[in-house]
Amino acid sequence: MSEVTSYPFIQSATKRDVSADAAQPATDYALAQMSAGGDMLAFEELYERHSRRVYSLCLRMTANTAEAEDLTQEVFIQLHRK
């Protein structure tokens, strides 16, 4: 008689790996592609990821907070249009 042994810990480990892959955040490239297709959630994610850095760069370049805010807004408006 042959007996089949089940290893539930292997099955559960496999399930965890699959769910971990699904939880991986999208790359910036993937988000940009989705955003170009009209996905507003992807655009919002790009904004959340990069707005501080863009603002910081604009502030260093202009040394003016109001202008840095305007330029940051303009960057993301242009990104959304393209």
N, C-alpha and C. Protein backbone atom coordinates (compact mmCIF):
# COMPACT_ATOMS: atom_id res chain seq x y z
N MET A 1 0.83 -1.17 0.00
CA MET A 1 0.00 0.00 0.00
C MET A 1 0.88 1.25 0.00
N SER A 2 0.56 2.20 -0.84
CA SER A 2 1.35 3.42 -0.83
C SER A 2 0.58 4.50 -0.09
N GLU A 3 1.27 5.17 0.72
CA GLU A 3 0.65 6.22 1.53
C GLU A 3 1.16 7.57 1.08
N VAL A 4 0.27 8.50 0.84
CA VAL A 4 0.65 9.84 0.40
C VAL A 4 0.75 10.73 1.63
N THR A 5 1.90 11.36 1.77
CA THR A 5 2.11 12.23 2.91
C THR A 5 1.86 13.67 2.47
N SER A 6 1.12 14.37 3.26
CA SER A 6 0.82 15.76 2.97
C SER A 6 1.69 16.65 3.85
N TYR A 7 2.20 17.71 3.26
CA TYR A 7 3.02 18.66 3.99
C TYR A 7 2.31 20.02 3.97
N PRO A 8 1.42 20.25 4.94
CA PRO A 8 0.67 21.50 4.93
C PRO A 8 1.54 22.74 5.09
N PHE A 9 2.68 22.62 5.76
CA PHE A 9 3.52 23.81 5.94
C PHE A 9 4.11 24.27 4.61
N ILE A 10 4.33 23.37 3.67
CA ILE A 10 4.83 23.76 2.36
C ILE A 10 3.73 24.47 1.58
N GLN A 11 2.52 23.94 1.66
CA GLN A 11 1.41 24.57 0.97
C GLN A 11 1.15 25.97 1.52
N SER A 12 1.19 26.12 2.83
CA SER A 12 0.94 27.44 3.39
C SER A 12 2.07 28.41 3.06
N ALA A 13 3.29 27.91 2.98
CA ALA A 13 4.41 28.77 2.60
C ALA A 13 4.24 29.25 1.17
N THR A 14 3.77 28.38 0.30
CA THR A 14 3.54 28.76 -1.09
C THR A 14 2.45 29.81 -1.17
N LYS A 15 1.41 29.66 -0.40
CA LYS A 15 0.33 30.64 -0.40
C LYS A 15 0.83 31.99 0.07
N ARG A 16 1.69 32.01 1.09
CA ARG A 16 2.24 33.26 1.58
C ARG A 16 3.09 33.94 0.53
N ASP A 17 3.91 33.16 -0.20
CA ASP A 17 4.76 33.73 -1.24
C ASP A 17 3.93 34.38 -2.33
N VAL A 18 2.83 33.74 -2.71
CA VAL A 18 1.98 34.30 -3.76
C VAL A 18 1.35 35.59 -3.29
N SER A 19 0.86 35.62 -2.06
CA SER A 19 0.24 36.84 -1.57
C SER A 19 1.28 37.94 -1.36
N ALA A 20 2.51 37.56 -1.03
CA ALA A 20 3.56 38.56 -0.87
C ALA A 20 3.87 39.20 -2.22
N ASP A 21 3.86 38.40 -3.31
CA ASP A 21 4.11 38.95 -4.64
C ASP A 21 3.00 39.90 -5.03
N ALA A 22 1.76 39.59 -4.67
CA ALA A 22 0.64 40.45 -5.01
C ALA A 22 0.71 41.76 -4.24
N ALA A 23 1.37 41.76 -3.09
CA ALA A 23 1.45 42.96 -2.27
C ALA A 23 2.60 43.87 -2.68
N GLN A 24 3.40 43.46 -3.66
CA GLN A 24 4.51 44.28 -4.11
C GLN A 24 3.98 45.58 -4.70
N PRO A 25 4.55 46.71 -4.32
CA PRO A 25 4.09 47.98 -4.89
C PRO A 25 4.47 48.08 -6.36
N ALA A 26 3.64 48.77 -7.11
CA ALA A 26 3.89 48.97 -8.54
C ALA A 26 5.12 49.85 -8.73
N THR A 27 5.83 49.62 -9.80
CA THR A 27 6.99 50.45 -10.11
C THR A 27 6.51 51.80 -10.62
N ASP A 28 7.39 52.77 -10.60
CA ASP A 28 7.04 54.09 -11.13
C ASP A 28 6.69 54.01 -12.61
N TYR A 29 7.40 53.16 -13.33
CA TYR A 29 7.12 53.00 -14.76
C TYR A 29 5.71 52.46 -14.96
N ALA A 30 5.35 51.43 -14.19
CA ALA A 30 4.01 50.85 -14.31
C ALA A 30 2.94 51.88 -13.94
N LEU A 31 3.20 52.65 -12.90
CA LEU A 31 2.25 53.69 -12.50
C LEU A 31 2.12 54.76 -13.58
N ALA A 32 3.23 55.13 -14.20
CA ALA A 32 3.18 56.13 -15.27
C ALA A 32 2.38 55.61 -16.46
N GLN A 33 2.55 54.33 -16.78
CA GLN A 33 1.79 53.73 -17.88
C GLN A 33 0.30 53.73 -17.57
N MET A 34 -0.05 53.34 -16.33
CA MET A 34 -1.45 53.32 -15.94
C MET A 34 -2.03 54.73 -15.91
N SER A 35 -1.23 55.67 -15.43
CA SER A 35 -1.67 57.06 -15.38
C SER A 35 -1.93 57.61 -16.78
N ALA A 36 -1.06 57.26 -17.71
CA ALA A 36 -1.23 57.69 -19.10
C ALA A 36 -2.52 57.12 -19.69
N GLY A 37 -2.95 55.98 -19.16
CA GLY A 37 -4.19 55.37 -19.61
C GLY A 37 -5.41 55.93 -18.91
N GLY A 38 -5.23 56.91 -18.04
CA GLY A 38 -6.36 57.56 -17.38
C GLY A 38 -6.63 57.09 -15.96
N ASP A 39 -5.76 56.27 -15.40
CA ASP A 39 -5.95 55.75 -14.04
C ASP A 39 -5.55 56.83 -13.02
N MET A 40 -6.54 57.47 -12.41
CA MET A 40 -6.27 58.55 -11.45
C MET A 40 -5.61 58.04 -10.17
N LEU A 41 -5.90 56.82 -9.76
CA LEU A 41 -5.26 56.27 -8.56
C LEU A 41 -3.76 56.10 -8.78
N ALA A 42 -3.37 55.70 -9.98
CA ALA A 42 -1.95 55.58 -10.30
C ALA A 42 -1.29 56.95 -10.27
N PHE A 43 -1.97 57.95 -10.82
CA PHE A 43 -1.43 59.32 -10.81
C PHE A 43 -1.28 59.81 -9.37
N GLU A 44 -2.27 59.55 -8.54
CA GLU A 44 -2.20 59.96 -7.14
C GLU A 44 -1.03 59.30 -6.43
N GLU A 45 -0.78 58.02 -6.74
CA GLU A 45 0.34 57.31 -6.13
C GLU A 45 1.67 57.94 -6.56
N LEU A 46 1.79 58.28 -7.83
CA LEU A 46 3.01 58.95 -8.30
C LEU A 46 3.20 60.29 -7.58
N TYR A 47 2.10 61.03 -7.42
CA TYR A 47 2.17 62.31 -6.72
C TYR A 47 2.64 62.10 -5.28
N GLU A 48 2.05 61.15 -4.60
CA GLU A 48 2.42 60.88 -3.20
C GLU A 48 3.89 60.49 -3.08
N ARG A 49 4.37 59.71 -4.03
CA ARG A 49 5.76 59.25 -3.98
C ARG A 49 6.76 60.36 -4.26
N HIS A 50 6.41 61.30 -5.15
CA HIS A 50 7.44 62.21 -5.66
C HIS A 50 7.22 63.70 -5.41
N SER A 51 6.08 64.09 -4.89
CA SER A 51 5.81 65.52 -4.75
C SER A 51 6.78 66.21 -3.80
N ARG A 52 7.14 65.59 -2.73
CA ARG A 52 8.09 66.22 -1.78
C ARG A 52 9.44 66.45 -2.41
N ARG A 53 9.91 65.44 -3.17
CA ARG A 53 11.21 65.57 -3.82
C ARG A 53 11.19 66.66 -4.88
N VAL A 54 10.12 66.68 -5.66
CA VAL A 54 10.00 67.71 -6.71
C VAL A 54 9.96 69.10 -6.07
N TYR A 55 9.15 69.23 -5.02
CA TYR A 55 9.06 70.52 -4.32
C TYR A 55 10.42 70.93 -3.76
N SER A 56 11.12 69.98 -3.18
CA SER A 56 12.43 70.26 -2.60
C SER A 56 13.42 70.77 -3.66
N LEU A 57 13.39 70.13 -4.81
CA LEU A 57 14.27 70.55 -5.90
C LEU A 57 13.89 71.95 -6.39
N CYS A 58 12.61 72.17 -6.56
CA CYS A 58 12.14 73.50 -7.01
C CYS A 58 12.50 74.58 -6.00
N LEU A 59 12.39 74.26 -4.73
CA LEU A 59 12.73 75.23 -3.68
C LEU A 59 14.22 75.56 -3.71
N ARG A 60 15.07 74.55 -3.91
CA ARG A 60 16.50 74.81 -4.01
C ARG A 60 16.83 75.67 -5.22
N MET A 61 16.11 75.43 -6.31
CA MET A 61 16.40 76.17 -7.54
C MET A 61 15.91 77.61 -7.48
N THR A 62 14.79 77.86 -6.81
CA THR A 62 14.20 79.20 -6.82
C THR A 62 14.41 79.97 -5.53
N ALA A 63 14.61 79.26 -4.42
CA ALA A 63 14.72 79.88 -3.10
C ALA A 63 13.49 80.71 -2.75
N ASN A 64 12.34 80.28 -3.28
CA ASN A 64 11.09 80.99 -3.05
C ASN A 64 9.99 79.94 -2.88
N THR A 65 9.38 79.90 -1.69
CA THR A 65 8.41 78.84 -1.41
C THR A 65 7.18 78.91 -2.32
N ALA A 66 6.67 80.11 -2.56
CA ALA A 66 5.48 80.23 -3.41
C ALA A 66 5.77 79.76 -4.83
N GLU A 67 6.92 80.14 -5.35
CA GLU A 67 7.28 79.73 -6.71
C GLU A 67 7.56 78.22 -6.77
N ALA A 68 8.16 77.70 -5.73
CA ALA A 68 8.42 76.25 -5.68
C ALA A 68 7.11 75.46 -5.66
N GLU A 69 6.11 75.96 -4.94
CA GLU A 69 4.80 75.30 -4.93
C GLU A 69 4.15 75.36 -6.30
N ASP A 70 4.22 76.51 -6.95
CA ASP A 70 3.65 76.66 -8.29
C ASP A 70 4.35 75.74 -9.29
N LEU A 71 5.67 75.69 -9.23
CA LEU A 71 6.42 74.84 -10.16
C LEU A 71 6.12 73.36 -9.92
N THR A 72 5.99 72.97 -8.66
CA THR A 72 5.65 71.59 -8.34
C THR A 72 4.30 71.23 -8.93
N GLN A 73 3.35 72.12 -8.76
CA GLN A 73 2.03 71.90 -9.33
C GLN A 73 2.11 71.80 -10.85
N GLU A 74 2.89 72.66 -11.46
CA GLU A 74 3.03 72.65 -12.92
C GLU A 74 3.67 71.35 -13.41
N VAL A 75 4.64 70.85 -12.68
CA VAL A 75 5.28 69.58 -13.05
C VAL A 75 4.25 68.47 -13.12
N PHE A 76 3.41 68.37 -12.10
CA PHE A 76 2.43 67.29 -12.07
C PHE A 76 1.26 67.53 -13.04
N ILE A 77 0.96 68.76 -13.34
CA ILE A 77 -0.04 69.03 -14.38
C ILE A 77 0.48 68.56 -15.72
N GLN A 78 1.73 68.89 -16.02
CA GLN A 78 2.34 68.45 -17.28
C GLN A 78 2.43 66.92 -17.35
N LEU A 79 2.79 66.30 -16.25
CA LEU A 79 2.85 64.84 -16.20
C LEU A 79 1.48 64.23 -16.49
N HIS A 80 0.45 64.82 -15.91
CA HIS A 80 -0.90 64.29 -16.11
C HIS A 80 -1.35 64.46 -17.56
N ARG A 81 -0.97 65.56 -18.17
CA ARG A 81 -1.37 65.81 -19.57
C ARG A 81 -0.69 64.85 -20.53
N LYS A 82 0.51 64.42 -20.21
CA LYS A 82 1.25 63.55 -21.11
C LYS A 82 1.02 62.14 -20.70
